[in-house]
């Protein structure tokens, strides 16, 4: 298993430290019980008014037609590698509240929380998740008959990490390069925007 654990400055939970977005996946299918565990984690995410505006379309590689339909929604850059993943998904946000039909401006945030919990649960089971902005919302909407007040948010590939040597050279470099993040002082503020919080080193 190719591991890219984060070099954190402060302690975090292991699944957060070990989470990364691979492009090389092993062919091994993800068992049903693991998939159910991941969706259960998403199910218990917090949401505005407990509206739970998250929805997912999932395709397993064994289901050729459904998998191909989802794969065809990806942009060419992601199609270069994503067909190695045993599972492809779309996350979808209902953009209006279920009780009132009024716009829910927190829907994207809440879907993000659901897929974050899904991802942490996945890593705890040795499964990695790669979320993608590079897909056609219009094609996804048409291919899967997504209603007007539902917004495709992200495409997702998941499975067990594979061999980086199976990737084209430029992707192999990305797969094996270390991970970087901004320092806390660049995004944790106190008072006026841009003023670093005084508990930071």
Protein backbone atom coordinates (compact mmCIF):
# COMPACT_ATOMS: atom_id res chain seq x y z
CA UNK A 1 0.00 0.00 0.00
CA UNK A 2 1.37 3.40 -1.01
CA UNK A 3 1.09 5.69 2.04
CA UNK A 4 1.32 9.50 2.09
CA UNK A 5 0.74 10.31 5.75
CA UNK A 6 0.67 14.03 6.48
CA UNK A 7 3.57 15.54 8.41
CA UNK A 8 1.29 17.38 10.84
CA UNK A 9 2.51 20.15 13.15
CA UNK A 10 0.03 19.14 15.86
CA UNK A 11 -1.64 15.81 16.77
CA UNK A 12 -4.65 14.69 14.72
CA UNK A 13 -6.59 11.44 14.42
CA UNK A 14 -4.86 8.79 12.32
CA UNK A 15 -7.56 8.65 9.58
CA UNK A 16 -7.18 12.42 9.10
CA UNK A 17 -3.39 12.14 8.98
CA UNK A 18 -3.49 9.23 6.52
CA UNK A 19 -6.17 10.62 4.18
CA UNK A 20 -4.98 11.51 0.70
CA UNK A 21 -6.40 11.41 -2.83
CA UNK A 22 -4.82 8.63 -4.91
CA UNK A 23 -5.08 8.17 -8.65
CA UNK A 24 -3.87 4.57 -8.70
CA UNK A 25 -6.34 2.06 -7.30
CA UNK A 26 -6.11 -1.68 -6.83
CA UNK A 27 -8.64 -3.77 -8.77
CA UNK A 28 -9.97 -5.31 -5.53
CA UNK A 29 -13.69 -4.52 -5.09
CA UNK A 30 -14.95 -2.74 -1.98
CA UNK A 31 -17.12 -5.12 0.09
CA UNK A 32 -20.78 -4.30 0.60
CA UNK A 33 -20.40 -4.06 4.38
CA UNK A 34 -17.65 -1.45 4.00
CA UNK A 35 -19.73 0.63 1.59
CA UNK A 36 -22.65 0.53 4.02
CA UNK A 37 -20.35 1.66 6.84
CA UNK A 38 -19.14 4.63 4.77
CA UNK A 39 -22.65 5.75 3.88
CA UNK A 40 -23.71 5.32 7.51
CA UNK A 41 -20.95 7.74 8.50
CA UNK A 42 -22.25 10.24 5.93
CA UNK A 43 -25.78 9.73 7.22
CA UNK A 44 -24.87 11.05 10.67
CA UNK A 45 -23.25 14.28 9.50
CA UNK A 46 -24.63 17.53 10.93
CA UNK A 47 -26.78 19.74 8.71
CA UNK A 48 -28.74 22.98 8.87
CA UNK A 49 -32.16 22.27 10.46
CA UNK A 50 -31.22 18.59 10.19
CA UNK A 51 -32.37 18.81 6.57
CA UNK A 52 -29.76 16.27 5.39
CA UNK A 53 -29.47 17.65 1.84
CA UNK A 54 -26.91 15.06 0.69
CA UNK A 55 -27.55 12.41 -1.95
CA UNK A 56 -25.20 10.04 -3.74
CA UNK A 57 -25.23 8.06 -6.96
CA UNK A 58 -22.87 5.09 -6.80
CA UNK A 59 -21.56 2.78 -9.51
CA UNK A 60 -19.47 -0.35 -8.93
CA UNK A 61 -17.19 -1.60 -11.65
CA UNK A 62 -19.05 -4.93 -11.76
CA UNK A 63 -22.09 -3.00 -13.06
CA UNK A 64 -20.62 -2.13 -16.46
CA UNK A 65 -23.42 0.10 -17.77
CA UNK A 66 -23.89 2.22 -14.65
CA UNK A 67 -20.13 2.56 -14.17
CA UNK A 68 -19.65 3.65 -17.81
CA UNK A 69 -22.42 6.25 -17.49
CA UNK A 70 -20.74 7.78 -14.48
CA UNK A 71 -17.25 7.52 -15.96
CA UNK A 72 -18.42 9.38 -19.07
CA UNK A 73 -19.39 12.35 -16.89
CA UNK A 74 -15.72 12.86 -15.92
CA UNK A 75 -13.56 15.34 -17.78
CA UNK A 76 -10.68 13.88 -19.85
CA UNK A 77 -8.00 14.66 -17.25
CA UNK A 78 -9.77 12.48 -14.70
CA UNK A 79 -10.67 9.80 -17.22
CA UNK A 80 -6.91 9.15 -17.58
CA UNK A 81 -6.86 7.40 -14.21
CA UNK A 82 -10.31 7.05 -12.63
CA UNK A 83 -11.26 3.83 -14.43
CA UNK A 84 -8.91 1.96 -12.07
CA UNK A 85 -11.23 2.75 -9.13
CA UNK A 86 -13.67 -0.05 -8.26
CA UNK A 87 -16.32 2.51 -7.23
CA UNK A 88 -17.33 5.84 -8.78
CA UNK A 89 -19.85 8.21 -7.22
CA UNK A 90 -21.53 11.57 -7.56
CA UNK A 91 -22.41 13.71 -4.56
CA UNK A 92 -25.53 15.80 -4.97
CA UNK A 93 -27.02 18.65 -2.91
CA UNK A 94 -30.70 19.46 -2.62
CA UNK A 95 -30.55 23.26 -2.86
CA UNK A 96 -33.94 23.93 -1.21
CA UNK A 97 -35.18 22.95 2.24
CA UNK A 98 -37.38 19.87 2.17
CA UNK A 99 -40.05 21.41 4.43
CA UNK A 100 -40.36 24.88 2.91
CA UNK A 101 -38.81 24.76 -0.58
CA UNK A 102 -36.91 27.91 0.36
CA UNK A 103 -33.28 28.14 -0.84
CA UNK A 104 -30.79 26.39 1.43
CA UNK A 105 -27.55 28.34 1.16
CA UNK A 106 -25.87 25.85 3.52
CA UNK A 107 -26.55 22.79 1.33
CA UNK A 108 -23.07 22.63 -0.21
CA UNK A 109 -21.48 23.01 3.22
CA UNK A 110 -23.61 20.18 4.57
CA UNK A 111 -22.84 17.86 1.66
CA UNK A 112 -19.17 18.63 2.26
CA UNK A 113 -19.57 17.58 5.89
CA UNK A 114 -21.27 14.34 4.88
CA UNK A 115 -18.57 13.37 2.41
CA UNK A 116 -15.87 14.37 4.92
CA UNK A 117 -17.31 11.91 7.44
CA UNK A 118 -17.64 9.32 4.65
CA UNK A 119 -13.96 9.86 3.81
CA UNK A 120 -12.66 9.58 7.37
CA UNK A 121 -14.66 6.38 7.86
CA UNK A 122 -13.22 5.07 4.58
CA UNK A 123 -9.64 5.71 5.64
CA UNK A 124 -10.28 3.97 8.95
CA UNK A 125 -11.08 0.85 6.87
CA UNK A 126 -8.08 1.15 4.55
CA UNK A 127 -10.12 2.67 1.71
CA UNK A 128 -9.09 5.92 0.02
CA UNK A 129 -11.30 8.52 -1.63
CA UNK A 130 -10.48 10.97 -4.44
CA UNK A 131 -12.98 13.79 -4.91
CA UNK A 132 -13.09 15.53 -8.28
CA UNK A 133 -14.36 18.90 -9.45
CA UNK A 134 -13.51 17.81 -13.00
CA UNK A 135 -16.80 16.45 -14.28
CA UNK A 136 -19.67 17.73 -16.40
CA UNK A 137 -22.60 18.80 -14.26
CA UNK A 138 -24.81 19.00 -17.34
CA UNK A 139 -23.95 15.47 -18.45
CA UNK A 140 -24.45 14.15 -14.92
CA UNK A 141 -27.83 15.87 -14.68
CA UNK A 142 -28.93 14.44 -18.03
CA UNK A 143 -27.50 10.93 -17.56
CA UNK A 144 -29.02 10.42 -14.12
CA UNK A 145 -32.21 12.52 -14.41
CA UNK A 146 -31.19 14.81 -11.55
CA UNK A 147 -34.07 17.20 -10.73
CA UNK A 148 -33.78 20.98 -11.09
CA UNK A 149 -33.45 21.83 -7.39
CA UNK A 150 -30.64 19.29 -6.91
CA UNK A 151 -27.05 20.25 -7.72
CA UNK A 152 -24.28 17.79 -8.67
CA UNK A 153 -21.41 18.72 -6.35
CA UNK A 154 -18.45 16.39 -6.98
CA UNK A 155 -17.43 13.19 -8.67
CA UNK A 156 -15.75 10.67 -6.38
CA UNK A 157 -13.49 7.66 -6.94
CA UNK A 158 -12.80 5.22 -4.14
CA UNK A 159 -11.08 1.95 -3.46
CA UNK A 160 -7.85 0.50 -2.15
CA UNK A 161 -4.58 2.19 -3.08
CA UNK A 162 -2.81 0.69 -6.08
CA UNK A 163 0.61 0.78 -7.71
CA UNK A 164 1.72 4.29 -8.82
CA UNK A 165 3.78 2.65 -11.60
CA UNK A 166 0.53 1.94 -13.45
CA UNK A 167 -0.01 5.68 -14.01
CA UNK A 168 1.29 7.89 -16.83
CA UNK A 169 4.54 9.58 -15.87
CA UNK A 170 3.09 13.02 -15.05
CA UNK A 171 0.46 11.47 -12.78
CA UNK A 172 3.01 9.14 -11.19
CA UNK A 173 5.01 12.19 -10.09
CA UNK A 174 1.89 13.70 -8.49
CA UNK A 175 1.11 10.38 -6.82
CA UNK A 176 4.49 10.09 -5.16
CA UNK A 177 5.19 13.74 -4.29
CA UNK A 178 4.84 14.79 -0.65
CA UNK A 179 1.81 16.72 0.58
CA UNK A 180 1.88 20.38 1.57
CA UNK A 181 -0.53 22.67 3.46
CA UNK A 182 -0.59 26.34 4.48
CA UNK A 183 0.42 27.08 8.06
CA UNK A 184 -2.28 27.74 10.68
CA UNK A 185 -1.25 31.39 10.90
CA UNK A 186 -2.37 31.87 7.30
CA UNK A 187 -6.01 30.96 7.92
CA UNK A 188 -6.82 31.05 11.66
CA UNK A 189 -7.63 34.66 12.60
CA UNK A 190 -8.62 36.72 15.64
CA UNK A 191 -10.38 40.03 15.24
CA UNK A 192 -9.93 41.65 11.80
CA UNK A 193 -9.59 39.28 8.86
CA UNK A 194 -5.93 38.43 8.34
CA UNK A 195 -4.87 38.91 11.97
CA UNK A 196 -3.33 35.66 13.18
CA UNK A 197 -4.89 34.14 16.30
CA UNK A 198 -2.64 34.69 19.31
CA UNK A 199 -2.51 31.05 20.45
CA UNK A 200 -0.48 30.22 17.35
CA UNK A 201 3.30 29.92 17.53
